[in-house]
Structures are given as C-alpha cells and as structure tokens.
mmCIF file of all heavy atoms, coordinates in Angstrom:
data_MODEL
# 
_entry.id   MODEL 
# 
loop_
_atom_site.group_PDB 
_atom_site.id 
_atom_site.type_symbol 
_atom_site.label_atom_id 
_atom_site.label_alt_id 
_atom_site.label_comp_id 
_atom_site.label_asym_id 
_atom_site.label_entity_id 
_atom_site.label_seq_id 
_atom_site.pdbx_PDB_ins_code 
_atom_site.Cartn_x 
_atom_site.Cartn_y 
_atom_site.Cartn_z 
_atom_site.occupancy 
_atom_site.B_iso_or_equiv 
_atom_site.pdbx_formal_charge 
_atom_site.auth_seq_id 
_atom_site.auth_comp_id 
_atom_site.auth_asym_id 
_atom_site.auth_atom_id 
_atom_site.pdbx_PDB_model_num 
ATOM 1   N N   . TRP A 1 1  ? 0.830   -1.196 0.000  1.00 0.00 ? 1  TRP A N   1 
ATOM 2   C CA  . TRP A 1 1  ? 0.000   0.002  0.000  1.00 0.00 ? 1  TRP A CA  1 
ATOM 3   C C   . TRP A 1 1  ? 0.862   1.246  0.001  1.00 0.00 ? 1  TRP A C   1 
ATOM 4   O O   . TRP A 1 1  ? 1.954   1.264  0.548  1.00 0.00 ? 1  TRP A O   1 
ATOM 5   C CB  . TRP A 1 1  ? -0.916  -0.016 1.227  1.00 0.00 ? 1  TRP A CB  1 
ATOM 6   C CG  . TRP A 1 1  ? -1.836  -1.178 1.182  1.00 0.00 ? 1  TRP A CG  1 
ATOM 7   C CD1 . TRP A 1 1  ? -1.572  -2.462 1.596  1.00 0.00 ? 1  TRP A CD1 1 
ATOM 8   C CD2 . TRP A 1 1  ? -3.141  -1.213 0.628  1.00 0.00 ? 1  TRP A CD2 1 
ATOM 9   N NE1 . TRP A 1 1  ? -2.642  -3.273 1.341  1.00 0.00 ? 1  TRP A NE1 1 
ATOM 10  C CE2 . TRP A 1 1  ? -3.610  -2.530 0.758  1.00 0.00 ? 1  TRP A CE2 1 
ATOM 11  C CE3 . TRP A 1 1  ? -3.956  -0.244 0.058  1.00 0.00 ? 1  TRP A CE3 1 
ATOM 12  C CZ2 . TRP A 1 1  ? -4.884  -2.900 0.315  1.00 0.00 ? 1  TRP A CZ2 1 
ATOM 13  C CZ3 . TRP A 1 1  ? -5.209  -0.617 -0.375 1.00 0.00 ? 1  TRP A CZ3 1 
ATOM 14  C CH2 . TRP A 1 1  ? -5.667  -1.935 -0.241 1.00 0.00 ? 1  TRP A CH2 1 
ATOM 15  N N   . ARG A 1 2  ? 0.340   2.294  -0.575 1.00 0.00 ? 2  ARG A N   1 
ATOM 16  C CA  . ARG A 1 2  ? 1.000   3.602  -0.602 1.00 0.00 ? 2  ARG A CA  1 
ATOM 17  C C   . ARG A 1 2  ? 0.055   4.623  0.026  1.00 0.00 ? 2  ARG A C   1 
ATOM 18  O O   . ARG A 1 2  ? -1.176  4.487  -0.043 1.00 0.00 ? 2  ARG A O   1 
ATOM 19  C CB  . ARG A 1 2  ? 1.306   4.029  -2.041 1.00 0.00 ? 2  ARG A CB  1 
ATOM 20  C CG  . ARG A 1 2  ? 2.095   3.013  -2.826 1.00 0.00 ? 2  ARG A CG  1 
ATOM 21  C CD  . ARG A 1 2  ? 3.556   3.364  -2.820 1.00 0.00 ? 2  ARG A CD  1 
ATOM 22  N NE  . ARG A 1 2  ? 4.291   2.428  -3.656 1.00 0.00 ? 2  ARG A NE  1 
ATOM 23  C CZ  . ARG A 1 2  ? 5.308   1.713  -3.204 1.00 0.00 ? 2  ARG A CZ  1 
ATOM 24  N NH1 . ARG A 1 2  ? 5.709   1.832  -1.978 1.00 0.00 ? 2  ARG A NH1 1 
ATOM 25  N NH2 . ARG A 1 2  ? 5.949   0.896  -4.005 1.00 0.00 ? 2  ARG A NH2 1 
ATOM 26  N N   . ALA A 1 3  ? 0.630   5.657  0.594  1.00 0.00 ? 3  ALA A N   1 
ATOM 27  C CA  . ALA A 1 3  ? -0.172  6.699  1.233  1.00 0.00 ? 3  ALA A CA  1 
ATOM 28  C C   . ALA A 1 3  ? -1.147  7.317  0.242  1.00 0.00 ? 3  ALA A C   1 
ATOM 29  O O   . ALA A 1 3  ? -2.310  7.570  0.575  1.00 0.00 ? 3  ALA A O   1 
ATOM 30  C CB  . ALA A 1 3  ? 0.738   7.764  1.852  1.00 0.00 ? 3  ALA A CB  1 
ATOM 31  N N   . ARG A 1 4  ? -0.699  7.541  -0.978 1.00 0.00 ? 4  ARG A N   1 
ATOM 32  C CA  . ARG A 1 4  ? -1.583  8.197  -1.961 1.00 0.00 ? 4  ARG A CA  1 
ATOM 33  C C   . ARG A 1 4  ? -2.804  7.348  -2.294 1.00 0.00 ? 4  ARG A C   1 
ATOM 34  O O   . ARG A 1 4  ? -3.869  7.881  -2.597 1.00 0.00 ? 4  ARG A O   1 
ATOM 35  C CB  . ARG A 1 4  ? -0.799  8.577  -3.217 1.00 0.00 ? 4  ARG A CB  1 
ATOM 36  C CG  . ARG A 1 4  ? -0.304  7.418  -4.028 1.00 0.00 ? 4  ARG A CG  1 
ATOM 37  C CD  . ARG A 1 4  ? 0.462   7.882  -5.275 1.00 0.00 ? 4  ARG A CD  1 
ATOM 38  N NE  . ARG A 1 4  ? 1.037   6.781  -5.981 1.00 0.00 ? 4  ARG A NE  1 
ATOM 39  C CZ  . ARG A 1 4  ? 2.266   6.319  -5.791 1.00 0.00 ? 4  ARG A CZ  1 
ATOM 40  N NH1 . ARG A 1 4  ? 3.053   6.883  -4.912 1.00 0.00 ? 4  ARG A NH1 1 
ATOM 41  N NH2 . ARG A 1 4  ? 2.702   5.290  -6.475 1.00 0.00 ? 4  ARG A NH2 1 
ATOM 42  N N   . GLU A 1 5  ? -2.678  6.014  -2.230 1.00 0.00 ? 5  GLU A N   1 
ATOM 43  C CA  . GLU A 1 5  ? -3.838  5.148  -2.474 1.00 0.00 ? 5  GLU A CA  1 
ATOM 44  C C   . GLU A 1 5  ? -4.873  5.327  -1.370 1.00 0.00 ? 5  GLU A C   1 
ATOM 45  O O   . GLU A 1 5  ? -6.065  5.405  -1.633 1.00 0.00 ? 5  GLU A O   1 
ATOM 46  C CB  . GLU A 1 5  ? -3.409  3.687  -2.518 1.00 0.00 ? 5  GLU A CB  1 
ATOM 47  C CG  . GLU A 1 5  ? -2.511  3.346  -3.683 1.00 0.00 ? 5  GLU A CG  1 
ATOM 48  C CD  . GLU A 1 5  ? -1.952  1.958  -3.538 1.00 0.00 ? 5  GLU A CD  1 
ATOM 49  O OE1 . GLU A 1 5  ? -1.177  1.718  -2.600 1.00 0.00 ? 5  GLU A OE1 1 
ATOM 50  O OE2 . GLU A 1 5  ? -2.312  1.118  -4.388 1.00 0.00 ? 5  GLU A OE2 1 
ATOM 51  N N   . LEU A 1 6  ? -4.402  5.386  -0.142 1.00 0.00 ? 6  LEU A N   1 
ATOM 52  C CA  . LEU A 1 6  ? -5.308  5.567  0.982  1.00 0.00 ? 6  LEU A CA  1 
ATOM 53  C C   . LEU A 1 6  ? -5.971  6.942  0.930  1.00 0.00 ? 6  LEU A C   1 
ATOM 54  O O   . LEU A 1 6  ? -7.160  7.073  1.225  1.00 0.00 ? 6  LEU A O   1 
ATOM 55  C CB  . LEU A 1 6  ? -4.540  5.375  2.293  1.00 0.00 ? 6  LEU A CB  1 
ATOM 56  C CG  . LEU A 1 6  ? -3.970  3.959  2.487  1.00 0.00 ? 6  LEU A CG  1 
ATOM 57  C CD1 . LEU A 1 6  ? -2.932  3.949  3.599  1.00 0.00 ? 6  LEU A CD1 1 
ATOM 58  C CD2 . LEU A 1 6  ? -5.082  2.966  2.754  1.00 0.00 ? 6  LEU A CD2 1 
ATOM 59  N N   . LEU A 1 7  ? -5.220  7.945  0.527  1.00 0.00 ? 7  LEU A N   1 
ATOM 60  C CA  . LEU A 1 7  ? -5.788  9.289  0.356  1.00 0.00 ? 7  LEU A CA  1 
ATOM 61  C C   . LEU A 1 7  ? -6.898  9.281  -0.696 1.00 0.00 ? 7  LEU A C   1 
ATOM 62  O O   . LEU A 1 7  ? -7.955  9.883  -0.506 1.00 0.00 ? 7  LEU A O   1 
ATOM 63  C CB  . LEU A 1 7  ? -4.695  10.291 -0.027 1.00 0.00 ? 7  LEU A CB  1 
ATOM 64  C CG  . LEU A 1 7  ? -3.717  10.661 1.083  1.00 0.00 ? 7  LEU A CG  1 
ATOM 65  C CD1 . LEU A 1 7  ? -2.495  11.366 0.500  1.00 0.00 ? 7  LEU A CD1 1 
ATOM 66  C CD2 . LEU A 1 7  ? -4.401  11.520 2.135  1.00 0.00 ? 7  LEU A CD2 1 
ATOM 67  N N   . ARG A 1 8  ? -6.661  8.579  -1.814 1.00 0.00 ? 8  ARG A N   1 
ATOM 68  C CA  . ARG A 1 8  ? -7.672  8.481  -2.875 1.00 0.00 ? 8  ARG A CA  1 
ATOM 69  C C   . ARG A 1 8  ? -8.940  7.782  -2.390 1.00 0.00 ? 8  ARG A C   1 
ATOM 70  O O   . ARG A 1 8  ? -10.031 8.033  -2.901 1.00 0.00 ? 8  ARG A O   1 
ATOM 71  C CB  . ARG A 1 8  ? -7.116  7.738  -4.088 1.00 0.00 ? 8  ARG A CB  1 
ATOM 72  C CG  . ARG A 1 8  ? -6.386  8.624  -5.056 1.00 0.00 ? 8  ARG A CG  1 
ATOM 73  C CD  . ARG A 1 8  ? -6.191  7.958  -6.405 1.00 0.00 ? 8  ARG A CD  1 
ATOM 74  N NE  . ARG A 1 8  ? -5.580  6.657  -6.319 1.00 0.00 ? 8  ARG A NE  1 
ATOM 75  C CZ  . ARG A 1 8  ? -4.279  6.397  -6.484 1.00 0.00 ? 8  ARG A CZ  1 
ATOM 76  N NH1 . ARG A 1 8  ? -3.451  7.359  -6.780 1.00 0.00 ? 8  ARG A NH1 1 
ATOM 77  N NH2 . ARG A 1 8  ? -3.809  5.171  -6.381 1.00 0.00 ? 8  ARG A NH2 1 
ATOM 78  N N   . LEU A 1 9  ? -8.784  6.891  -1.404 1.00 0.00 ? 9  LEU A N   1 
ATOM 79  C CA  . LEU A 1 9  ? -9.940  6.187  -0.851 1.00 0.00 ? 9  LEU A CA  1 
ATOM 80  C C   . LEU A 1 9  ? -10.684 7.033  0.187  1.00 0.00 ? 9  LEU A C   1 
ATOM 81  O O   . LEU A 1 9  ? -11.670 6.588  0.760  1.00 0.00 ? 9  LEU A O   1 
ATOM 82  C CB  . LEU A 1 9  ? -9.495  4.863  -0.218 1.00 0.00 ? 9  LEU A CB  1 
ATOM 83  C CG  . LEU A 1 9  ? -8.997  3.803  -1.190 1.00 0.00 ? 9  LEU A CG  1 
ATOM 84  C CD1 . LEU A 1 9  ? -8.397  2.627  -0.425 1.00 0.00 ? 9  LEU A CD1 1 
ATOM 85  C CD2 . LEU A 1 9  ? -10.121 3.329  -2.108 1.00 0.00 ? 9  LEU A CD2 1 
ATOM 86  N N   . GLY A 1 10 ? -10.190 8.245  0.436  1.00 0.00 ? 10 GLY A N   1 
ATOM 87  C CA  . GLY A 1 10 ? -10.864 9.145  1.356  1.00 0.00 ? 10 GLY A CA  1 
ATOM 88  C C   . GLY A 1 10 ? -10.345 9.113  2.784  1.00 0.00 ? 10 GLY A C   1 
ATOM 89  O O   . GLY A 1 10 ? -10.989 9.653  3.684  1.00 0.00 ? 10 GLY A O   1 
ATOM 90  N N   . TYR A 1 11 ? -9.193  8.507  2.984  1.00 0.00 ? 11 TYR A N   1 
ATOM 91  C CA  . TYR A 1 11 ? -8.609  8.426  4.321  1.00 0.00 ? 11 TYR A CA  1 
ATOM 92  C C   . TYR A 1 11 ? -7.699  9.617  4.581  1.00 0.00 ? 11 TYR A C   1 
ATOM 93  O O   . TYR A 1 11 ? -7.018  10.101 3.679  1.00 0.00 ? 11 TYR A O   1 
ATOM 94  C CB  . TYR A 1 11 ? -7.801  7.124  4.474  1.00 0.00 ? 11 TYR A CB  1 
ATOM 95  C CG  . TYR A 1 11 ? -8.683  5.911  4.655  1.00 0.00 ? 11 TYR A CG  1 
ATOM 96  C CD1 . TYR A 1 11 ? -9.325  5.327  3.571  1.00 0.00 ? 11 TYR A CD1 1 
ATOM 97  C CD2 . TYR A 1 11 ? -8.885  5.367  5.914  1.00 0.00 ? 11 TYR A CD2 1 
ATOM 98  C CE1 . TYR A 1 11 ? -10.149 4.233  3.735  1.00 0.00 ? 11 TYR A CE1 1 
ATOM 99  C CE2 . TYR A 1 11 ? -9.705  4.266  6.086  1.00 0.00 ? 11 TYR A CE2 1 
ATOM 100 C CZ  . TYR A 1 11 ? -10.341 3.709  4.999  1.00 0.00 ? 11 TYR A CZ  1 
ATOM 101 O OH  . TYR A 1 11 ? -11.176 2.630  5.171  1.00 0.00 ? 11 TYR A OH  1 
ATOM 102 N N   . ASP A 1 12 ? -7.685  10.084 5.837  1.00 0.00 ? 12 ASP A N   1 
ATOM 103 C CA  . ASP A 1 12 ? -6.668  11.023 6.299  1.00 0.00 ? 12 ASP A CA  1 
ATOM 104 C C   . ASP A 1 12 ? -5.469  10.165 6.678  1.00 0.00 ? 12 ASP A C   1 
ATOM 105 O O   . ASP A 1 12 ? -5.626  9.179  7.415  1.00 0.00 ? 12 ASP A O   1 
ATOM 106 C CB  . ASP A 1 12 ? -7.152  11.800 7.528  1.00 0.00 ? 12 ASP A CB  1 
ATOM 107 C CG  . ASP A 1 12 ? -8.335  12.698 7.204  1.00 0.00 ? 12 ASP A CG  1 
ATOM 108 O OD1 . ASP A 1 12 ? -8.339  13.291 6.115  1.00 0.00 ? 12 ASP A OD1 1 
ATOM 109 O OD2 . ASP A 1 12 ? -9.249  12.789 8.045  1.00 0.00 ? 12 ASP A OD2 1 
ATOM 110 N N   . VAL A 1 13 ? -4.282  10.529 6.209  1.00 0.00 ? 13 VAL A N   1 
ATOM 111 C CA  . VAL A 1 13 ? -3.115  9.665  6.371  1.00 0.00 ? 13 VAL A CA  1 
ATOM 112 C C   . VAL A 1 13 ? -1.988  10.408 7.070  1.00 0.00 ? 13 VAL A C   1 
ATOM 113 O O   . VAL A 1 13 ? -1.658  11.533 6.699  1.00 0.00 ? 13 VAL A O   1 
ATOM 114 C CB  . VAL A 1 13 ? -2.616  9.143  4.994  1.00 0.00 ? 13 VAL A CB  1 
ATOM 115 C CG1 . VAL A 1 13 ? -1.388  8.270  5.153  1.00 0.00 ? 13 VAL A CG1 1 
ATOM 116 C CG2 . VAL A 1 13 ? -3.731  8.396  4.275  1.00 0.00 ? 13 VAL A CG2 1 
ATOM 117 N N   . THR A 1 14 ? -1.404  9.753  8.060  1.00 0.00 ? 14 THR A N   1 
ATOM 118 C CA  . THR A 1 14 ? -0.200  10.243 8.726  1.00 0.00 ? 14 THR A CA  1 
ATOM 119 C C   . THR A 1 14 ? 0.889   9.208  8.503  1.00 0.00 ? 14 THR A C   1 
ATOM 120 O O   . THR A 1 14 ? 0.718   8.038  8.870  1.00 0.00 ? 14 THR A O   1 
ATOM 121 C CB  . THR A 1 14 ? -0.432  10.444 10.238 1.00 0.00 ? 14 THR A CB  1 
ATOM 122 O OG1 . THR A 1 14 ? -1.502  11.365 10.424 1.00 0.00 ? 14 THR A OG1 1 
ATOM 123 C CG2 . THR A 1 14 ? 0.830   10.970 10.905 1.00 0.00 ? 14 THR A CG2 1 
ATOM 124 N N   . VAL A 1 15 ? 1.999   9.633  7.900  1.00 0.00 ? 15 VAL A N   1 
ATOM 125 C CA  . VAL A 1 15 ? 3.097   8.717  7.571  1.00 0.00 ? 15 VAL A CA  1 
ATOM 126 C C   . VAL A 1 15 ? 4.197   8.831  8.632  1.00 0.00 ? 15 VAL A C   1 
ATOM 127 O O   . VAL A 1 15 ? 4.560   9.934  9.039  1.00 0.00 ? 15 VAL A O   1 
ATOM 128 C CB  . VAL A 1 15 ? 3.675   9.033  6.173  1.00 0.00 ? 15 VAL A CB  1 
ATOM 129 C CG1 . VAL A 1 15 ? 4.908   8.185  5.880  1.00 0.00 ? 15 VAL A CG1 1 
ATOM 130 C CG2 . VAL A 1 15 ? 2.603   8.820  5.106  1.00 0.00 ? 15 VAL A CG2 1 
ATOM 131 N N   . TYR A 1 16 ? 4.706   7.692  9.037  1.00 0.00 ? 16 TYR A N   1 
ATOM 132 C CA  . TYR A 1 16 ? 5.839   7.610  9.966  1.00 0.00 ? 16 TYR A CA  1 
ATOM 133 C C   . TYR A 1 16 ? 7.009   7.017  9.197  1.00 0.00 ? 16 TYR A C   1 
ATOM 134 O O   . TYR A 1 16 ? 7.048   5.813  8.932  1.00 0.00 ? 16 TYR A O   1 
ATOM 135 C CB  . TYR A 1 16 ? 5.481   6.746  11.175 1.00 0.00 ? 16 TYR A CB  1 
ATOM 136 C CG  . TYR A 1 16 ? 4.357   7.338  11.977 1.00 0.00 ? 16 TYR A CG  1 
ATOM 137 C CD1 . TYR A 1 16 ? 3.033   7.012  11.692 1.00 0.00 ? 16 TYR A CD1 1 
ATOM 138 C CD2 . TYR A 1 16 ? 4.620   8.257  12.985 1.00 0.00 ? 16 TYR A CD2 1 
ATOM 139 C CE1 . TYR A 1 16 ? 1.991   7.582  12.418 1.00 0.00 ? 16 TYR A CE1 1 
ATOM 140 C CE2 . TYR A 1 16 ? 3.582   8.825  13.706 1.00 0.00 ? 16 TYR A CE2 1 
ATOM 141 C CZ  . TYR A 1 16 ? 2.280   8.485  13.420 1.00 0.00 ? 16 TYR A CZ  1 
ATOM 142 O OH  . TYR A 1 16 ? 1.251   9.057  14.123 1.00 0.00 ? 16 TYR A OH  1 
ATOM 143 N N   . GLU A 1 17 ? 7.951   7.879  8.838  1.00 0.00 ? 17 GLU A N   1 
ATOM 144 C CA  . GLU A 1 17 ? 9.089   7.445  8.019  1.00 0.00 ? 17 GLU A CA  1 
ATOM 145 C C   . GLU A 1 17 ? 9.998   6.507  8.810  1.00 0.00 ? 17 GLU A C   1 
ATOM 146 O O   . GLU A 1 17 ? 10.313  6.761  9.970  1.00 0.00 ? 17 GLU A O   1 
ATOM 147 C CB  . GLU A 1 17 ? 9.871   8.661  7.532  1.00 0.00 ? 17 GLU A CB  1 
ATOM 148 C CG  . GLU A 1 17 ? 9.076   9.507  6.562  1.00 0.00 ? 17 GLU A CG  1 
ATOM 149 C CD  . GLU A 1 17 ? 9.858   10.692 6.034  1.00 0.00 ? 17 GLU A CD  1 
ATOM 150 O OE1 . GLU A 1 17 ? 11.079  10.783 6.277  1.00 0.00 ? 17 GLU A OE1 1 
ATOM 151 O OE2 . GLU A 1 17 ? 9.231   11.543 5.382  1.00 0.00 ? 17 GLU A OE2 1 
ATOM 152 N N   . GLY A 1 18 ? 10.408  5.427  8.147  1.00 0.00 ? 18 GLY A N   1 
ATOM 153 C CA  . GLY A 1 18 ? 11.334  4.472  8.751  1.00 0.00 ? 18 GLY A CA  1 
ATOM 154 C C   . GLY A 1 18 ? 10.811  3.825  10.013 1.00 0.00 ? 18 GLY A C   1 
ATOM 155 O O   . GLY A 1 18 ? 11.589  3.408  10.874 1.00 0.00 ? 18 GLY A O   1 
ATOM 156 N N   . PHE A 1 19 ? 9.514   3.688  10.129 1.00 0.00 ? 19 PHE A N   1 
ATOM 157 C CA  . PHE A 1 19 ? 8.890   3.193  11.360 1.00 0.00 ? 19 PHE A CA  1 
ATOM 158 C C   . PHE A 1 19 ? 9.385   1.800  11.738 1.00 0.00 ? 19 PHE A C   1 
ATOM 159 O O   . PHE A 1 19 ? 9.633   1.513  12.894 1.00 0.00 ? 19 PHE A O   1 
ATOM 160 C CB  . PHE A 1 19 ? 7.367   3.183  11.207 1.00 0.00 ? 19 PHE A CB  1 
ATOM 161 C CG  . PHE A 1 19 ? 6.655   2.702  12.447 1.00 0.00 ? 19 PHE A CG  1 
ATOM 162 C CD1 . PHE A 1 19 ? 6.380   3.591  13.476 1.00 0.00 ? 19 PHE A CD1 1 
ATOM 163 C CD2 . PHE A 1 19 ? 6.271   1.380  12.582 1.00 0.00 ? 19 PHE A CD2 1 
ATOM 164 C CE1 . PHE A 1 19 ? 5.734   3.157  14.626 1.00 0.00 ? 19 PHE A CE1 1 
ATOM 165 C CE2 . PHE A 1 19 ? 5.628   0.942  13.729 1.00 0.00 ? 19 PHE A CE2 1 
ATOM 166 C CZ  . PHE A 1 19 ? 5.356   1.822  14.749 1.00 0.00 ? 19 PHE A CZ  1 
ATOM 167 N N   . HIS A 1 20 ? 9.504   0.945  10.748 1.00 0.00 ? 20 HIS A N   1 
ATOM 168 C CA  . HIS A 1 20 ? 9.902   -0.446 11.015 1.00 0.00 ? 20 HIS A CA  1 
ATOM 169 C C   . HIS A 1 20 ? 11.420  -0.548 10.974 1.00 0.00 ? 20 HIS A C   1 
ATOM 170 O O   . HIS A 1 20 ? 12.008  -1.137 10.067 1.00 0.00 ? 20 HIS A O   1 
ATOM 171 C CB  . HIS A 1 20 ? 9.237   -1.388 10.010 1.00 0.00 ? 20 HIS A CB  1 
ATOM 172 C CG  . HIS A 1 20 ? 7.747   -1.433 10.144 1.00 0.00 ? 20 HIS A CG  1 
ATOM 173 N ND1 . HIS A 1 20 ? 7.111   -2.118 11.148 1.00 0.00 ? 20 HIS A ND1 1 
ATOM 174 C CD2 . HIS A 1 20 ? 6.769   -0.855 9.417  1.00 0.00 ? 20 HIS A CD2 1 
ATOM 175 C CE1 . HIS A 1 20 ? 5.809   -1.972 11.038 1.00 0.00 ? 20 HIS A CE1 1 
ATOM 176 N NE2 . HIS A 1 20 ? 5.566   -1.207 9.986  1.00 0.00 ? 20 HIS A NE2 1 
ATOM 177 N N   . ALA A 1 21 ? 12.065  0.006  11.999 1.00 0.00 ? 21 ALA A N   1 
ATOM 178 C CA  . ALA A 1 21 ? 13.522  0.118  12.041 1.00 0.00 ? 21 ALA A CA  1 
ATOM 179 C C   . ALA A 1 21 ? 14.228  -1.230 12.110 1.00 0.00 ? 21 ALA A C   1 
ATOM 180 O O   . ALA A 1 21 ? 15.419  -1.321 11.801 1.00 0.00 ? 21 ALA A O   1 
ATOM 181 C CB  . ALA A 1 21 ? 13.944  0.988  13.225 1.00 0.00 ? 21 ALA A CB  1 
ATOM 182 N N   . GLN A 1 22 ? 13.514  -2.278 12.465 1.00 0.00 ? 22 GLN A N   1 
ATOM 183 C CA  . GLN A 1 22 ? 14.126  -3.603 12.553 1.00 0.00 ? 22 GLN A CA  1 
ATOM 184 C C   . GLN A 1 22 ? 14.380  -4.215 11.175 1.00 0.00 ? 22 GLN A C   1 
ATOM 185 O O   . GLN A 1 22 ? 15.085  -5.207 11.064 1.00 0.00 ? 22 GLN A O   1 
ATOM 186 C CB  . GLN A 1 22 ? 13.282  -4.539 13.422 1.00 0.00 ? 22 GLN A CB  1 
ATOM 187 C CG  . GLN A 1 22 ? 12.023  -5.081 12.748 1.00 0.00 ? 22 GLN A CG  1 
ATOM 188 C CD  . GLN A 1 22 ? 10.829  -4.132 12.764 1.00 0.00 ? 22 GLN A CD  1 
ATOM 189 O OE1 . GLN A 1 22 ? 10.949  -2.947 13.032 1.00 0.00 ? 22 GLN A OE1 1 
ATOM 190 N NE2 . GLN A 1 22 ? 9.661   -4.668 12.458 1.00 0.00 ? 22 GLN A NE2 1 
ATOM 191 N N   . LEU A 1 23 ? 13.815  -3.617 10.133 1.00 0.00 ? 23 LEU A N   1 
ATOM 192 C CA  . LEU A 1 23 ? 13.983  -4.126 8.770  1.00 0.00 ? 23 LEU A CA  1 
ATOM 193 C C   . LEU A 1 23 ? 14.977  -3.259 8.011  1.00 0.00 ? 23 LEU A C   1 
ATOM 194 O O   . LEU A 1 23 ? 15.138  -2.081 8.302  1.00 0.00 ? 23 LEU A O   1 
ATOM 195 C CB  . LEU A 1 23 ? 12.637  -4.133 8.049  1.00 0.00 ? 23 LEU A CB  1 
ATOM 196 C CG  . LEU A 1 23 ? 11.530  -4.974 8.700  1.00 0.00 ? 23 LEU A CG  1 
ATOM 197 C CD1 . LEU A 1 23 ? 10.221  -4.781 7.958  1.00 0.00 ? 23 LEU A CD1 1 
ATOM 198 C CD2 . LEU A 1 23 ? 11.911  -6.434 8.767  1.00 0.00 ? 23 LEU A CD2 1 
ATOM 199 N N   . THR A 1 24 ? 15.623  -3.866 7.021  1.00 0.00 ? 24 THR A N   1 
ATOM 200 C CA  . THR A 1 24 ? 16.587  -3.131 6.198  1.00 0.00 ? 24 THR A CA  1 
ATOM 201 C C   . THR A 1 24 ? 16.162  -3.221 4.746  1.00 0.00 ? 24 THR A C   1 
ATOM 202 O O   . THR A 1 24 ? 16.065  -4.324 4.217  1.00 0.00 ? 24 THR A O   1 
ATOM 203 C CB  . THR A 1 24 ? 18.000  -3.734 6.356  1.00 0.00 ? 24 THR A CB  1 
ATOM 204 O OG1 . THR A 1 24 ? 18.326  -3.737 7.751  1.00 0.00 ? 24 THR A OG1 1 
ATOM 205 C CG2 . THR A 1 24 ? 19.026  -2.921 5.610  1.00 0.00 ? 24 THR A CG2 1 
ATOM 206 N N   . PRO A 1 25 ? 15.932  -2.078 4.077  1.00 0.00 ? 25 PRO A N   1 
ATOM 207 C CA  . PRO A 1 25 ? 15.812  -0.731 4.644  1.00 0.00 ? 25 PRO A CA  1 
ATOM 208 C C   . PRO A 1 25 ? 14.511  -0.622 5.433  1.00 0.00 ? 25 PRO A C   1 
ATOM 209 O O   . PRO A 1 25 ? 13.532  -1.323 5.138  1.00 0.00 ? 25 PRO A O   1 
ATOM 210 C CB  . PRO A 1 25 ? 15.812  0.174  3.418  1.00 0.00 ? 25 PRO A CB  1 
ATOM 211 C CG  . PRO A 1 25 ? 15.222  -0.660 2.341  1.00 0.00 ? 25 PRO A CG  1 
ATOM 212 C CD  . PRO A 1 25 ? 15.654  -2.076 2.639  1.00 0.00 ? 25 PRO A CD  1 
ATOM 213 N N   . PRO A 1 26 ? 14.471  0.270  6.414  1.00 0.00 ? 26 PRO A N   1 
ATOM 214 C CA  . PRO A 1 26 ? 13.268  0.375  7.247  1.00 0.00 ? 26 PRO A CA  1 
ATOM 215 C C   . PRO A 1 26 ? 12.102  1.013  6.489  1.00 0.00 ? 26 PRO A C   1 
ATOM 216 O O   . PRO A 1 26 ? 12.196  2.161  6.058  1.00 0.00 ? 26 PRO A O   1 
ATOM 217 C CB  . PRO A 1 26 ? 13.705  1.264  8.422  1.00 0.00 ? 26 PRO A CB  1 
ATOM 218 C CG  . PRO A 1 26 ? 14.903  1.985  7.926  1.00 0.00 ? 26 PRO A CG  1 
ATOM 219 C CD  . PRO A 1 26 ? 15.537  1.137  6.863  1.00 0.00 ? 26 PRO A CD  1 
ATOM 220 N N   . PRO A 1 27 ? 11.007  0.268  6.297  1.00 0.00 ? 27 PRO A N   1 
ATOM 221 C CA  . PRO A 1 27 ? 9.866   0.826  5.577  1.00 0.00 ? 27 PRO A CA  1 
ATOM 222 C C   . PRO A 1 27 ? 9.084   1.815  6.433  1.00 0.00 ? 27 PRO A C   1 
ATOM 223 O O   . PRO A 1 27 ? 9.140   1.777  7.661  1.00 0.00 ? 27 PRO A O   1 
ATOM 224 C CB  . PRO A 1 27 ? 9.018   -0.394 5.245  1.00 0.00 ? 27 PRO A CB  1 
ATOM 225 C CG  . PRO A 1 27 ? 9.407   -1.429 6.225  1.00 0.00 ? 27 PRO A CG  1 
ATOM 226 C CD  . PRO A 1 27 ? 10.811  -1.142 6.631  1.00 0.00 ? 27 PRO A CD  1 
ATOM 227 N N   . ASP A 1 28 ? 8.385   2.693  5.751  1.00 0.00 ? 28 ASP A N   1 
ATOM 228 C CA  . ASP A 1 28 ? 7.489   3.621  6.418  1.00 0.00 ? 28 ASP A CA  1 
ATOM 229 C C   . ASP A 1 28 ? 6.227   2.880  6.859  1.00 0.00 ? 28 ASP A C   1 
ATOM 230 O O   . ASP A 1 28 ? 5.952   1.768  6.409  1.00 0.00 ? 28 ASP A O   1 
ATOM 231 C CB  . ASP A 1 28 ? 7.089   4.756  5.477  1.00 0.00 ? 28 ASP A CB  1 
ATOM 232 C CG  . ASP A 1 28 ? 8.270   5.586  5.014  1.00 0.00 ? 28 ASP A CG  1 
ATOM 233 O OD1 . ASP A 1 28 ? 9.331   5.551  5.667  1.00 0.00 ? 28 ASP A OD1 1 
ATOM 234 O OD2 . ASP A 1 28 ? 8.124   6.270  3.982  1.00 0.00 ? 28 ASP A OD2 1 
# 
C-alpha cells in the first residue's frame, strides 16, 4: 500500500518514516 492510495480512498493519512527500524531498509 501507498499513502496516496489511501488518500484516494478518502482516508486522512499520517506517515511515519522508517517506522519499522528492525527491517533493512526500514519501511514507512
């Protein structure tokens, strides 16, 4: 999923960059 897809579906979206720090590279 991408933030822009959720926005298109009518959702308010807050992104947390690098949230999953245990993974390489850390996904948002």
